[in-house]
Amino acid sequence: MAIHCPLVLSNDKQVLTKYQQVPKGYIPVYVGDQGDKKRYVVPLSYLSHPSFQDLLQLAEQEFGFNHSMGGLTIPCSEEAFFELTSELN
């Protein structure tokens, strides 16, 4: 389950505000095309999943440690991100 801020939880349909803090046990990530990145909050447990680690390796190759959004930026489309996170649930 990925949480998009400020819109809607991908599966639970709960509304979040833009300024809401990241819940304990979650990490914010930025996903989307170059000019249109959106913020999502994902469980820390996703970080150990092999499919998510593949995305993290892509992020490392593309951005290194320089993430201009101020948080972890995942270089993939939102659709691919949703597909991956729905499989992890």
PDB file of N, CA and C in Angstrom:
ATOM      1  N   MET A   1       0.853  -1.177   0.000  1.00  0.00           N
ATOM      2  CA  MET A   1       0.000   0.000   0.000  1.00  0.00           C
ATOM      3  C   MET A   1       0.888   1.227   0.000  1.00  0.00           C
ATOM      4  N   ALA A   2       0.782   2.025  -0.991  1.00  0.00           N
ATOM      5  CA  ALA A   2       1.500   3.290  -1.057  1.00  0.00           C
ATOM      6  C   ALA A   2       0.523   4.400  -0.735  1.00  0.00           C
ATOM      7  N   ILE A   3       0.959   5.350   0.034  1.00  0.00           N
ATOM      8  CA  ILE A   3       0.113   6.481   0.397  1.00  0.00           C
ATOM      9  C   ILE A   3       0.572   7.677  -0.415  1.00  0.00           C
ATOM     10  N   HIS A   4      -0.328   8.288  -1.166  1.00  0.00           N
ATOM     11  CA  HIS A   4      -0.007   9.481  -1.935  1.00  0.00           C
ATOM     12  C   HIS A   4      -0.404  10.694  -1.126  1.00  0.00           C
ATOM     13  N   CYS A   5       0.482  11.610  -0.954  1.00  0.00           N
ATOM     14  CA  CYS A   5       0.184  12.855  -0.255  1.00  0.00           C
ATOM     15  C   CYS A   5       0.178  13.974  -1.282  1.00  0.00           C
ATOM     16  N   PRO A   6      -0.822  14.790  -1.396  1.00  0.00           N
ATOM     17  CA  PRO A   6      -1.931  14.983  -0.495  1.00  0.00           C
ATOM     18  C   PRO A   6      -3.216  14.295  -0.893  1.00  0.00           C
ATOM     19  N   LEU A   7      -3.227  13.443  -1.871  1.00  0.00           N
ATOM     20  CA  LEU A   7      -4.495  12.908  -2.342  1.00  0.00           C
ATOM     21  C   LEU A   7      -5.016  11.736  -1.524  1.00  0.00           C
ATOM     22  N   VAL A   8      -4.906  10.515  -2.006  1.00  0.00           N
ATOM     23  CA  VAL A   8      -5.632   9.397  -1.428  1.00  0.00           C
ATOM     24  C   VAL A   8      -4.730   8.189  -1.230  1.00  0.00           C
ATOM     25  N   LEU A   9      -5.009   7.401  -0.208  1.00  0.00           N
ATOM     26  CA  LEU A   9      -4.340   6.114  -0.060  1.00  0.00           C
ATOM     27  C   LEU A   9      -4.701   5.265  -1.263  1.00  0.00           C
ATOM     28  N   SER A  10      -3.741   4.539  -1.808  1.00  0.00           N
ATOM     29  CA  SER A  10      -4.008   3.802  -3.036  1.00  0.00           C
ATOM     30  C   SER A  10      -5.068   2.722  -2.864  1.00  0.00           C
ATOM     31  N   ASN A  11      -5.135   2.075  -1.717  1.00  0.00           N
ATOM     32  CA  ASN A  11      -6.095   0.988  -1.534  1.00  0.00           C
ATOM     33  C   ASN A  11      -7.204   1.340  -0.549  1.00  0.00           C
ATOM     34  N   ASP A  12      -6.894   2.090   0.495  1.00  0.00           N
ATOM     35  CA  ASP A  12      -7.863   2.331   1.562  1.00  0.00           C
ATOM     36  C   ASP A  12      -8.753   3.553   1.343  1.00  0.00           C
ATOM     37  N   LYS A  13      -8.406   4.396   0.398  1.00  0.00           N
ATOM     38  CA  LYS A  13      -9.207   5.570   0.050  1.00  0.00           C
ATOM     39  C   LYS A  13      -9.401   6.549   1.213  1.00  0.00           C
ATOM     40  N   GLN A  14      -8.372   6.674   2.049  1.00  0.00           N
ATOM     41  CA  GLN A  14      -8.425   7.665   3.118  1.00  0.00           C
ATOM     42  C   GLN A  14      -7.728   8.932   2.635  1.00  0.00           C
ATOM     43  N   VAL A  15      -8.310  10.093   2.940  1.00  0.00           N
ATOM     44  CA  VAL A  15      -7.736  11.359   2.496  1.00  0.00           C
ATOM     45  C   VAL A  15      -6.676  11.812   3.480  1.00  0.00           C
ATOM     46  N   LEU A  16      -5.528  12.249   2.949  1.00  0.00           N
ATOM     47  CA  LEU A  16      -4.451  12.790   3.765  1.00  0.00           C
ATOM     48  C   LEU A  16      -4.217  14.237   3.361  1.00  0.00           C
ATOM     49  N   THR A  17      -3.757  15.051   4.285  1.00  0.00           N
ATOM     50  CA  THR A  17      -3.415  16.422   3.945  1.00  0.00           C
ATOM     51  C   THR A  17      -1.948  16.501   3.573  1.00  0.00           C
ATOM     52  N   LYS A  18      -1.587  17.537   2.859  1.00  0.00           N
ATOM     53  CA  LYS A  18      -0.220  17.711   2.376  1.00  0.00           C
ATOM     54  C   LYS A  18       0.771  17.821   3.526  1.00  0.00           C
ATOM     55  N   TYR A  19       0.343  18.374   4.632  1.00  0.00           N
ATOM     56  CA  TYR A  19       1.271  18.662   5.723  1.00  0.00           C
ATOM     57  C   TYR A  19       1.283  17.588   6.798  1.00  0.00           C
ATOM     58  N   GLN A  20       0.598  16.505   6.577  1.00  0.00           N
ATOM     59  CA  GLN A  20       0.554  15.434   7.560  1.00  0.00           C
ATOM     60  C   GLN A  20       1.924  14.780   7.655  1.00  0.00           C
ATOM     61  N   GLN A  21       2.326  14.453   8.875  1.00  0.00           N
ATOM     62  CA  GLN A  21       3.621  13.825   9.090  1.00  0.00           C
ATOM     63  C   GLN A  21       3.618  12.405   8.560  1.00  0.00           C
ATOM     64  N   VAL A  22       4.808  11.909   8.305  1.00  0.00           N
ATOM     65  CA  VAL A  22       4.962  10.531   7.854  1.00  0.00           C
ATOM     66  C   VAL A  22       4.728   9.626   9.059  1.00  0.00           C
ATOM     67  N   PRO A  23       3.821   8.648   8.939  1.00  0.00           N
ATOM     68  CA  PRO A  23       3.557   7.752  10.061  1.00  0.00           C
ATOM     69  C   PRO A  23       4.799   6.928  10.420  1.00  0.00           C
ATOM     70  N   LYS A  24       4.891   6.560  11.669  1.00  0.00           N
ATOM     71  CA  LYS A  24       5.994   5.722  12.127  1.00  0.00           C
ATOM     72  C   LYS A  24       5.972   4.409  11.345  1.00  0.00           C
ATOM     73  N   GLY A  25       7.155   3.978  10.878  1.00  0.00           N
ATOM     74  CA  GLY A  25       7.246   2.745  10.111  1.00  0.00           C
ATOM     75  C   GLY A  25       7.079   2.940   8.620  1.00  0.00           C
ATOM     76  N   TYR A  26       7.031   4.189   8.159  1.00  0.00           N
ATOM     77  CA  TYR A  26       6.870   4.508   6.742  1.00  0.00           C
ATOM     78  C   TYR A  26       7.989   5.444   6.296  1.00  0.00           C
ATOM     79  N   ILE A  27       8.171   5.532   4.980  1.00  0.00           N
ATOM     80  CA  ILE A  27       9.175   6.427   4.396  1.00  0.00           C
ATOM     81  C   ILE A  27       8.557   7.131   3.186  1.00  0.00           C
ATOM     82  N   PRO A  28       8.819   8.445   3.033  1.00  0.00           N
ATOM     83  CA  PRO A  28       8.299   9.136   1.849  1.00  0.00           C
ATOM     84  C   PRO A  28       9.187   8.876   0.637  1.00  0.00           C
ATOM     85  N   VAL A  29       8.561   8.726  -0.526  1.00  0.00           N
ATOM     86  CA  VAL A  29       9.270   8.589  -1.792  1.00  0.00           C
ATOM     87  C   VAL A  29       8.572   9.462  -2.825  1.00  0.00           C
ATOM     88  N   TYR A  30       9.322   9.868  -3.846  1.00  0.00           N
ATOM     89  CA  TYR A  30       8.766  10.657  -4.937  1.00  0.00           C
ATOM     90  C   TYR A  30       8.805   9.805  -6.192  1.00  0.00           C
ATOM     91  N   VAL A  31       7.673   9.750  -6.889  1.00  0.00           N
ATOM     92  CA  VAL A  31       7.517   8.871  -8.045  1.00  0.00           C
ATOM     93  C   VAL A  31       6.861   9.644  -9.177  1.00  0.00           C
ATOM     94  N   GLY A  32       7.254   9.332 -10.404  1.00  0.00           N
ATOM     95  CA  GLY A  32       6.599   9.922 -11.560  1.00  0.00           C
ATOM     96  C   GLY A  32       7.572  10.382 -12.606  1.00  0.00           C
ATOM     97  N   ASP A  33       7.031  10.961 -13.653  1.00  0.00           N
ATOM     98  CA  ASP A  33       7.842  11.472 -14.751  1.00  0.00           C
ATOM     99  C   ASP A  33       8.636  12.686 -14.297  1.00  0.00           C
ATOM    100  N   GLN A  34       9.619  13.073 -15.112  1.00  0.00           N
ATOM    101  CA  GLN A  34      10.565  14.136 -14.744  1.00  0.00           C
ATOM    102  C   GLN A  34       9.900  15.374 -14.148  1.00  0.00           C
ATOM    103  N   GLY A  35       8.942  15.957 -14.827  1.00  0.00           N
ATOM    104  CA  GLY A  35       8.353  17.205 -14.356  1.00  0.00           C
ATOM    105  C   GLY A  35       7.155  17.040 -13.437  1.00  0.00           C
ATOM    106  N   ASP A  36       6.691  15.818 -13.237  1.00  0.00           N
ATOM    107  CA  ASP A  36       5.447  15.600 -12.497  1.00  0.00           C
ATOM    108  C   ASP A  36       5.625  14.510 -11.446  1.00  0.00           C
ATOM    109  N   LYS A  37       6.444  14.781 -10.446  1.00  0.00           N
ATOM    110  CA  LYS A  37       6.684  13.802  -9.389  1.00  0.00           C
ATOM    111  C   LYS A  37       5.667  14.013  -8.270  1.00  0.00           C
ATOM    112  N   LYS A  38       5.175  12.909  -7.723  1.00  0.00           N
ATOM    113  CA  LYS A  38       4.220  12.964  -6.618  1.00  0.00           C
ATOM    114  C   LYS A  38       4.799  12.238  -5.420  1.00  0.00           C
ATOM    115  N   ARG A  39       4.412  12.686  -4.262  1.00  0.00           N
ATOM    116  CA  ARG A  39       4.918  12.132  -3.007  1.00  0.00           C
ATOM    117  C   ARG A  39       4.011  11.002  -2.535  1.00  0.00           C
ATOM    118  N   TYR A  40       4.644   9.886  -2.186  1.00  0.00           N
ATOM    119  CA  TYR A  40       3.944   8.736  -1.623  1.00  0.00           C
ATOM    120  C   TYR A  40       4.661   8.324  -0.352  1.00  0.00           C
ATOM    121  N   VAL A  41       3.946   7.643   0.511  1.00  0.00           N
ATOM    122  CA  VAL A  41       4.520   7.137   1.749  1.00  0.00           C
ATOM    123  C   VAL A  41       4.327   5.624   1.729  1.00  0.00           C
ATOM    124  N   VAL A  42       5.440   4.887   1.870  1.00  0.00           N
ATOM    125  CA  VAL A  42       5.389   3.426   1.803  1.00  0.00           C
ATOM    126  C   VAL A  42       5.936   2.827   3.092  1.00  0.00           C
ATOM    127  N   PRO A  43       5.482   1.638   3.441  1.00  0.00           N
ATOM    128  CA  PRO A  43       5.995   0.972   4.650  1.00  0.00           C
ATOM    129  C   PRO A  43       7.488   0.662   4.514  1.00  0.00           C
ATOM    130  N   LEU A  44       8.216   0.781   5.595  1.00  0.00           N
ATOM    131  CA  LEU A  44       9.638   0.449   5.595  1.00  0.00           C
ATOM    132  C   LEU A  44       9.886  -0.996   5.192  1.00  0.00           C
ATOM    133  N   SER A  45       8.937  -1.866   5.437  1.00  0.00           N
ATOM    134  CA  SER A  45       9.096  -3.278   5.088  1.00  0.00           C
ATOM    135  C   SER A  45       9.285  -3.475   3.583  1.00  0.00           C
ATOM    136  N   TYR A  46       8.803  -2.542   2.764  1.00  0.00           N
ATOM    137  CA  TYR A  46       8.978  -2.637   1.317  1.00  0.00           C
ATOM    138  C   TYR A  46      10.450  -2.580   0.929  1.00  0.00           C
ATOM    139  N   LEU A  47      11.260  -1.891   1.724  1.00  0.00           N
ATOM    140  CA  LEU A  47      12.667  -1.700   1.382  1.00  0.00           C
ATOM    141  C   LEU A  47      13.440  -3.008   1.299  1.00  0.00           C
ATOM    142  N   SER A  48      12.981  -4.035   1.984  1.00  0.00           N
ATOM    143  CA  SER A  48      13.690  -5.314   1.951  1.00  0.00           C
ATOM    144  C   SER A  48      13.175  -6.261   0.873  1.00  0.00           C
ATOM    145  N   HIS A  49      12.125  -5.892   0.180  1.00  0.00           N
ATOM    146  CA  HIS A  49      11.571  -6.746  -0.874  1.00  0.00           C
ATOM    147  C   HIS A  49      12.439  -6.634  -2.127  1.00  0.00           C
ATOM    148  N   PRO A  50      12.798  -7.763  -2.756  1.00  0.00           N
ATOM    149  CA  PRO A  50      13.686  -7.735  -3.933  1.00  0.00           C
ATOM    150  C   PRO A  50      13.194  -6.834  -5.077  1.00  0.00           C
ATOM    151  N   SER A  51      11.910  -6.805  -5.344  1.00  0.00           N
ATOM    152  CA  SER A  51      11.394  -5.963  -6.431  1.00  0.00           C
ATOM    153  C   SER A  51      11.578  -4.485  -6.112  1.00  0.00           C
ATOM    154  N   PHE A  52      11.350  -4.122  -4.854  1.00  0.00           N
ATOM    155  CA  PHE A  52      11.519  -2.726  -4.460  1.00  0.00           C
ATOM    156  C   PHE A  52      12.999  -2.370  -4.442  1.00  0.00           C
ATOM    157  N   GLN A  53      13.852  -3.321  -4.078  1.00  0.00           N
ATOM    158  CA  GLN A  53      15.294  -3.076  -4.099  1.00  0.00           C
ATOM    159  C   GLN A  53      15.788  -2.809  -5.516  1.00  0.00           C
ATOM    160  N   ASP A  54      15.156  -3.432  -6.504  1.00  0.00           N
ATOM    161  CA  ASP A  54      15.494  -3.129  -7.903  1.00  0.00           C
ATOM    162  C   ASP A  54      15.228  -1.655  -8.212  1.00  0.00           C
ATOM    163  N   LEU A  55      14.099  -1.139  -7.727  1.00  0.00           N
ATOM    164  CA  LEU A  55      13.802   0.287  -7.920  1.00  0.00           C
ATOM    165  C   LEU A  55      14.820   1.164  -7.200  1.00  0.00           C
ATOM    166  N   LEU A  56      15.227   0.739  -6.017  1.00  0.00           N
ATOM    167  CA  LEU A  56      16.220   1.509  -5.268  1.00  0.00           C
ATOM    168  C   LEU A  56      17.565   1.537  -5.990  1.00  0.00           C
ATOM    169  N   GLN A  57      17.924   0.441  -6.636  1.00  0.00           N
ATOM    170  CA  GLN A  57      19.163   0.411  -7.415  1.00  0.00           C
ATOM    171  C   GLN A  57      19.072   1.349  -8.620  1.00  0.00           C
ATOM    172  N   LEU A  58      17.903   1.395  -9.260  1.00  0.00           N
ATOM    173  CA  LEU A  58      17.702   2.350 -10.360  1.00  0.00           C
ATOM    174  C   LEU A  58      17.846   3.784  -9.864  1.00  0.00           C
ATOM    175  N   ALA A  59      17.284   4.054  -8.682  1.00  0.00           N
ATOM    176  CA  ALA A  59      17.380   5.390  -8.099  1.00  0.00           C
ATOM    177  C   ALA A  59      18.839   5.741  -7.809  1.00  0.00           C
ATOM    178  N   GLU A  60      19.593   4.777  -7.292  1.00  0.00           N
ATOM    179  CA  GLU A  60      21.006   5.012  -7.002  1.00  0.00           C
ATOM    180  C   GLU A  60      21.778   5.310  -8.287  1.00  0.00           C
ATOM    181  N   GLN A  61      21.509   4.552  -9.346  1.00  0.00           N
ATOM    182  CA  GLN A  61      22.201   4.761 -10.613  1.00  0.00           C
ATOM    183  C   GLN A  61      21.868   6.126 -11.218  1.00  0.00           C
ATOM    184  N   GLU A  62      20.607   6.524 -11.113  1.00  0.00           N
ATOM    185  CA  GLU A  62      20.192   7.772 -11.745  1.00  0.00           C
ATOM    186  C   GLU A  62      20.512   9.002 -10.914  1.00  0.00           C
ATOM    187  N   PHE A  63      20.314   8.926  -9.592  1.00  0.00           N
ATOM    188  CA  PHE A  63      20.443  10.110  -8.757  1.00  0.00           C
ATOM    189  C   PHE A  63      21.614  10.069  -7.781  1.00  0.00           C
ATOM    190  N   GLY A  64      22.169   8.894  -7.516  1.00  0.00           N
ATOM    191  CA  GLY A  64      23.198   8.793  -6.483  1.00  0.00           C
ATOM    192  C   GLY A  64      22.595   9.211  -5.158  1.00  0.00           C
ATOM    193  N   PHE A  65      23.253  10.140  -4.478  1.00  0.00           N
ATOM    194  CA  PHE A  65      22.718  10.646  -3.216  1.00  0.00           C
ATOM    195  C   PHE A  65      22.166  12.050  -3.370  1.00  0.00           C
ATOM    196  N   ASN A  66      21.989  12.502  -4.594  1.00  0.00           N
ATOM    197  CA  ASN A  66      21.495  13.842  -4.866  1.00  0.00           C
ATOM    198  C   ASN A  66      20.049  13.766  -5.330  1.00  0.00           C
ATOM    199  N   HIS A  67      19.125  13.774  -4.400  1.00  0.00           N
ATOM    200  CA  HIS A  67      17.698  13.720  -4.714  1.00  0.00           C
ATOM    201  C   HIS A  67      17.132  15.125  -4.568  1.00  0.00           C
ATOM    202  N   SER A  68      16.878  15.771  -5.680  1.00  0.00           N
ATOM    203  CA  SER A  68      16.478  17.183  -5.683  1.00  0.00           C
ATOM    204  C   SER A  68      15.150  17.449  -4.985  1.00  0.00           C
ATOM    205  N   MET A  69      14.314  16.435  -4.839  1.00  0.00           N
ATOM    206  CA  MET A  69      13.015  16.627  -4.202  1.00  0.00           C
ATOM    207  C   MET A  69      13.144  16.674  -2.684  1.00  0.00           C
ATOM    208  N   GLY A  70      14.320  16.380  -2.149  1.00  0.00           N
ATOM    209  CA  GLY A  70      14.520  16.389  -0.708  1.00  0.00           C
ATOM    210  C   GLY A  70      14.211  15.047  -0.068  1.00  0.00           C
ATOM    211  N   GLY A  71      13.868  14.075  -0.859  1.00  0.00           N
ATOM    212  CA  GLY A  71      13.577  12.732  -0.370  1.00  0.00           C
ATOM    213  C   GLY A  71      13.953  11.725  -1.440  1.00  0.00           C
ATOM    214  N   LEU A  72      13.747  10.482  -1.153  1.00  0.00           N
ATOM    215  CA  LEU A  72      14.080   9.410  -2.083  1.00  0.00           C
ATOM    216  C   LEU A  72      13.215   9.515  -3.331  1.00  0.00           C
ATOM    217  N   THR A  73      13.856   9.628  -4.503  1.00  0.00           N
ATOM    218  CA  THR A  73      13.151   9.731  -5.765  1.00  0.00           C
ATOM    219  C   THR A  73      13.280   8.416  -6.515  1.00  0.00           C
ATOM    220  N   ILE A  74      12.151   7.826  -6.882  1.00  0.00           N
ATOM    221  CA  ILE A  74      12.114   6.545  -7.588  1.00  0.00           C
ATOM    222  C   ILE A  74      11.894   6.826  -9.076  1.00  0.00           C
ATOM    223  N   PRO A  75      12.841   6.422  -9.951  1.00  0.00           N
ATOM    224  CA  PRO A  75      12.709   6.720 -11.374  1.00  0.00           C
ATOM    225  C   PRO A  75      11.840   5.703 -12.114  1.00  0.00           C
ATOM    226  N   CYS A  76      10.531   5.800 -11.926  1.00  0.00           N
ATOM    227  CA  CYS A  76       9.604   4.945 -12.663  1.00  0.00           C
ATOM    228  C   CYS A  76       8.269   5.671 -12.770  1.00  0.00           C
ATOM    229  N   SER A  77       7.406   5.158 -13.614  1.00  0.00           N
ATOM    230  CA  SER A  77       6.090   5.772 -13.772  1.00  0.00           C
ATOM    231  C   SER A  77       5.225   5.442 -12.554  1.00  0.00           C
ATOM    232  N   GLU A  78       4.204   6.250 -12.350  1.00  0.00           N
ATOM    233  CA  GLU A  78       3.282   5.975 -11.244  1.00  0.00           C
ATOM    234  C   GLU A  78       2.578   4.640 -11.441  1.00  0.00           C
ATOM    235  N   GLU A  79       2.256   4.314 -12.686  1.00  0.00           N
ATOM    236  CA  GLU A  79       1.569   3.055 -12.970  1.00  0.00           C
ATOM    237  C   GLU A  79       2.434   1.861 -12.558  1.00  0.00           C
ATOM    238  N   ALA A  80       3.721   1.894 -12.916  1.00  0.00           N
ATOM    239  CA  ALA A  80       4.638   0.808 -12.551  1.00  0.00           C
ATOM    240  C   ALA A  80       4.791   0.729 -11.036  1.00  0.00           C
ATOM    241  N   PHE A  81       4.835   1.886 -10.378  1.00  0.00           N
ATOM    242  CA  PHE A  81       4.949   1.940  -8.921  1.00  0.00           C
ATOM    243  C   PHE A  81       3.712   1.330  -8.264  1.00  0.00           C
ATOM    244  N   PHE A  82       2.527   1.658  -8.781  1.00  0.00           N
ATOM    245  CA  PHE A  82       1.292   1.093  -8.240  1.00  0.00           C
ATOM    246  C   PHE A  82       1.227  -0.411  -8.434  1.00  0.00           C
ATOM    247  N   GLU A  83       1.654  -0.879  -9.597  1.00  0.00           N
ATOM    248  CA  GLU A  83       1.670  -2.317  -9.850  1.00  0.00           C
ATOM    249  C   GLU A  83       2.565  -3.033  -8.847  1.00  0.00           C
ATOM    250  N   LEU A  84       3.760  -2.488  -8.624  1.00  0.00           N
ATOM    251  CA  LEU A  84       4.699  -3.098  -7.691  1.00  0.00           C
ATOM    252  C   LEU A  84       4.145  -3.089  -6.277  1.00  0.00           C
ATOM    253  N   THR A  85       3.663  -1.941  -5.816  1.00  0.00           N
ATOM    254  CA  THR A  85       3.185  -1.865  -4.432  1.00  0.00           C
ATOM    255  C   THR A  85       1.930  -2.699  -4.221  1.00  0.00           C
ATOM    256  N   SER A  86       1.098  -2.863  -5.239  1.00  0.00           N
ATOM    257  CA  SER A  86      -0.094  -3.701  -5.071  1.00  0.00           C
ATOM    258  C   SER A  86       0.316  -5.173  -4.941  1.00  0.00           C
ATOM    259  N   GLU A  87       1.411  -5.569  -5.601  1.00  0.00           N
ATOM    260  CA  GLU A  87       1.909  -6.943  -5.458  1.00  0.00           C
ATOM    261  C   GLU A  87       2.517  -7.193  -4.087  1.00  0.00           C
ATOM    262  N   LEU A  88       3.025  -6.150  -3.456  1.00  0.00           N
ATOM    263  CA  LEU A  88       3.680  -6.290  -2.151  1.00  0.00           C
ATOM    264  C   LEU A  88       2.691  -6.369  -1.000  1.00  0.00           C
ATOM    265  N   ASN A  89       1.447  -5.985  -1.242  1.00  0.00           N
ATOM    266  CA  ASN A  89       0.430  -6.023  -0.168  1.00  0.00           C
ATOM    267  C   ASN A  89       0.017  -7.419   0.185  1.00  0.00           C
TER     268      ASN A  89
END
